[in-house]
């Protein structure tokens, strides 16, 4: 499985710059990304799917788990 690494800079809707803070793997084909951004002085934190943001760095990290 490939995911965007924590710390990746992304752009949310309306070109809002944000940073991936954590990753949630729900299933083999469903990954959530918790993103952080500032709205004025207020820091926002919300979950997004990878199709809800854009990223200049398209390099994803490979992660995997051994099946037993």
N, C-alpha and C. Protein backbone atom coordinates (compact mmCIF):
# COMPACT_ATOMS: atom_id res chain seq x y z
N UNK A 1 0.85 -1.17 0.00
CA UNK A 1 0.00 0.00 0.00
C UNK A 1 0.89 1.24 0.00
N UNK A 2 0.47 2.27 -0.74
CA UNK A 2 1.21 3.53 -0.78
C UNK A 2 0.37 4.63 -0.14
N UNK A 3 1.01 5.44 0.70
CA UNK A 3 0.31 6.55 1.37
C UNK A 3 1.20 7.79 1.35
N UNK A 4 0.57 8.96 1.45
CA UNK A 4 1.33 10.19 1.63
C UNK A 4 1.90 10.18 3.05
N UNK A 5 3.18 10.48 3.24
CA UNK A 5 3.76 10.45 4.58
C UNK A 5 3.29 11.63 5.45
N UNK A 6 3.32 11.42 6.75
CA UNK A 6 3.06 12.49 7.72
C UNK A 6 4.06 13.61 7.46
N UNK A 7 3.58 14.84 7.50
CA UNK A 7 4.44 16.00 7.25
C UNK A 7 4.35 16.51 5.82
N UNK A 8 3.66 15.77 4.93
CA UNK A 8 3.51 16.20 3.54
C UNK A 8 2.68 17.47 3.47
N UNK A 9 3.13 18.42 2.69
CA UNK A 9 2.39 19.67 2.47
C UNK A 9 1.37 19.44 1.35
N UNK A 10 0.11 19.79 1.61
CA UNK A 10 -0.96 19.60 0.65
C UNK A 10 -1.77 20.90 0.51
N UNK A 11 -2.67 20.91 -0.46
CA UNK A 11 -3.58 22.04 -0.65
C UNK A 11 -5.01 21.52 -0.58
N UNK A 12 -5.77 22.05 0.37
CA UNK A 12 -7.17 21.69 0.50
C UNK A 12 -7.99 22.48 -0.50
N UNK A 13 -9.27 22.23 -0.54
CA UNK A 13 -10.13 22.99 -1.45
C UNK A 13 -9.87 24.48 -1.32
N UNK A 14 -10.03 25.20 -2.37
CA UNK A 14 -9.76 26.65 -2.42
C UNK A 14 -8.29 26.96 -2.19
N UNK A 15 -7.39 26.00 -2.47
CA UNK A 15 -5.94 26.21 -2.36
C UNK A 15 -5.48 26.62 -0.97
N UNK A 16 -6.07 26.05 0.07
CA UNK A 16 -5.65 26.32 1.45
C UNK A 16 -4.46 25.41 1.76
N UNK A 17 -3.29 25.99 2.12
CA UNK A 17 -2.14 25.14 2.45
C UNK A 17 -2.35 24.43 3.79
N UNK A 18 -2.01 23.15 3.82
CA UNK A 18 -2.18 22.34 5.03
C UNK A 18 -1.05 21.32 5.11
N UNK A 19 -0.98 20.63 6.24
CA UNK A 19 0.04 19.60 6.47
C UNK A 19 -0.64 18.34 6.98
N UNK A 20 -0.24 17.18 6.44
CA UNK A 20 -0.75 15.90 6.93
C UNK A 20 -0.14 15.63 8.30
N UNK A 21 -1.00 15.43 9.30
CA UNK A 21 -0.54 15.20 10.67
C UNK A 21 -0.63 13.74 11.09
N UNK A 22 -1.60 12.99 10.54
CA UNK A 22 -1.70 11.57 10.86
C UNK A 22 -2.45 10.85 9.75
N UNK A 23 -2.33 9.53 9.75
CA UNK A 23 -2.92 8.68 8.72
C UNK A 23 -3.74 7.60 9.39
N UNK A 24 -4.92 7.32 8.83
CA UNK A 24 -5.78 6.26 9.34
C UNK A 24 -6.06 5.29 8.21
N UNK A 25 -5.64 4.05 8.36
CA UNK A 25 -5.89 3.03 7.35
C UNK A 25 -7.15 2.29 7.77
N UNK A 26 -8.23 2.51 7.01
CA UNK A 26 -9.53 1.91 7.33
C UNK A 26 -9.66 0.53 6.70
N UNK A 27 -9.13 0.38 5.50
CA UNK A 27 -9.13 -0.90 4.80
C UNK A 27 -8.08 -0.82 3.69
N UNK A 28 -7.96 -1.85 2.90
CA UNK A 28 -6.95 -1.87 1.84
C UNK A 28 -7.10 -0.74 0.84
N UNK A 29 -8.33 -0.27 0.63
CA UNK A 29 -8.56 0.76 -0.37
C UNK A 29 -9.15 2.04 0.22
N UNK A 30 -9.04 2.22 1.52
CA UNK A 30 -9.62 3.40 2.16
C UNK A 30 -8.66 3.96 3.22
N UNK A 31 -8.02 5.09 2.88
CA UNK A 31 -7.06 5.72 3.77
C UNK A 31 -7.54 7.14 4.08
N UNK A 32 -7.49 7.52 5.35
CA UNK A 32 -7.85 8.88 5.74
C UNK A 32 -6.60 9.64 6.18
N UNK A 33 -6.61 10.94 5.91
CA UNK A 33 -5.48 11.80 6.27
C UNK A 33 -5.99 12.94 7.15
N UNK A 34 -5.42 13.07 8.35
CA UNK A 34 -5.76 14.18 9.22
C UNK A 34 -4.86 15.35 8.85
N UNK A 35 -5.47 16.45 8.42
CA UNK A 35 -4.72 17.61 7.96
C UNK A 35 -4.93 18.79 8.91
N UNK A 36 -3.89 19.59 9.03
CA UNK A 36 -3.90 20.76 9.89
C UNK A 36 -3.61 22.00 9.05
N UNK A 37 -4.33 23.09 9.33
CA UNK A 37 -4.11 24.37 8.65
C UNK A 37 -4.57 25.49 9.55
N UNK A 38 -4.21 26.71 9.20
CA UNK A 38 -4.59 27.88 9.98
C UNK A 38 -5.65 28.68 9.24
N UNK A 39 -6.67 29.11 9.99
CA UNK A 39 -7.70 30.01 9.50
C UNK A 39 -7.57 31.27 10.36
N UNK A 40 -6.79 32.23 9.87
CA UNK A 40 -6.44 33.38 10.70
C UNK A 40 -5.50 32.90 11.79
N UNK A 41 -5.87 33.13 13.05
CA UNK A 41 -5.06 32.65 14.19
C UNK A 41 -5.51 31.30 14.71
N UNK A 42 -6.61 30.81 14.16
CA UNK A 42 -7.18 29.55 14.64
C UNK A 42 -6.64 28.36 13.84
N UNK A 43 -6.16 27.35 14.56
CA UNK A 43 -5.64 26.14 13.92
C UNK A 43 -6.78 25.15 13.75
N UNK A 44 -6.94 24.63 12.55
CA UNK A 44 -7.99 23.67 12.23
C UNK A 44 -7.37 22.29 12.03
N UNK A 45 -8.13 21.25 12.32
CA UNK A 45 -7.69 19.87 12.18
C UNK A 45 -8.90 19.06 11.71
N UNK A 46 -8.76 18.38 10.56
CA UNK A 46 -9.90 17.65 10.00
C UNK A 46 -9.40 16.49 9.16
N UNK A 47 -10.25 15.46 8.99
CA UNK A 47 -9.91 14.28 8.21
C UNK A 47 -10.35 14.44 6.76
N UNK A 48 -9.50 13.97 5.82
CA UNK A 48 -9.78 14.05 4.39
C UNK A 48 -9.37 12.75 3.72
N UNK A 49 -9.98 12.44 2.60
CA UNK A 49 -9.53 11.37 1.71
C UNK A 49 -8.54 11.98 0.73
N UNK A 50 -7.72 11.16 0.10
CA UNK A 50 -6.69 11.71 -0.80
C UNK A 50 -7.27 12.42 -2.03
N UNK A 51 -8.50 12.15 -2.39
CA UNK A 51 -9.11 12.86 -3.52
C UNK A 51 -9.65 14.24 -3.12
N UNK A 52 -9.60 14.58 -1.83
CA UNK A 52 -10.10 15.87 -1.35
C UNK A 52 -9.01 16.93 -1.22
N UNK A 53 -7.77 16.58 -1.56
CA UNK A 53 -6.69 17.56 -1.53
C UNK A 53 -5.75 17.31 -2.70
N UNK A 54 -4.93 18.32 -2.98
CA UNK A 54 -3.92 18.16 -4.03
C UNK A 54 -2.55 18.28 -3.38
N UNK A 55 -1.55 17.77 -4.09
CA UNK A 55 -0.21 17.72 -3.53
C UNK A 55 0.81 17.86 -4.65
N UNK A 56 1.77 18.78 -4.47
CA UNK A 56 2.85 18.93 -5.45
C UNK A 56 3.78 17.72 -5.41
N UNK A 57 3.99 17.18 -4.21
CA UNK A 57 4.87 16.02 -4.02
C UNK A 57 4.01 14.76 -4.15
N UNK A 58 4.12 14.11 -5.31
CA UNK A 58 3.29 12.93 -5.52
C UNK A 58 3.98 11.64 -5.06
N UNK A 59 5.12 11.77 -4.40
CA UNK A 59 5.83 10.59 -3.90
C UNK A 59 5.14 10.07 -2.65
N UNK A 60 4.62 8.88 -2.78
CA UNK A 60 3.99 8.23 -1.63
C UNK A 60 4.97 7.24 -1.02
N UNK A 61 4.81 6.98 0.26
CA UNK A 61 5.64 5.99 0.94
C UNK A 61 4.95 4.63 0.87
N UNK A 62 5.75 3.61 0.71
CA UNK A 62 5.21 2.25 0.69
C UNK A 62 5.19 1.71 2.12
N UNK A 63 4.03 1.22 2.53
CA UNK A 63 3.94 0.56 3.84
C UNK A 63 3.35 -0.82 3.60
N UNK A 64 3.59 -1.72 4.49
CA UNK A 64 3.05 -3.05 4.30
C UNK A 64 2.97 -3.83 5.60
N UNK A 65 2.21 -4.86 5.55
CA UNK A 65 2.01 -5.72 6.69
C UNK A 65 2.15 -7.16 6.21
N UNK A 66 2.77 -8.00 7.03
CA UNK A 66 2.90 -9.41 6.68
C UNK A 66 1.60 -10.14 6.97
N UNK A 67 1.16 -10.92 5.99
CA UNK A 67 -0.01 -11.76 6.20
C UNK A 67 0.48 -13.09 6.74
N UNK A 68 -0.17 -13.58 7.79
CA UNK A 68 0.25 -14.87 8.35
C UNK A 68 -0.81 -15.91 8.16
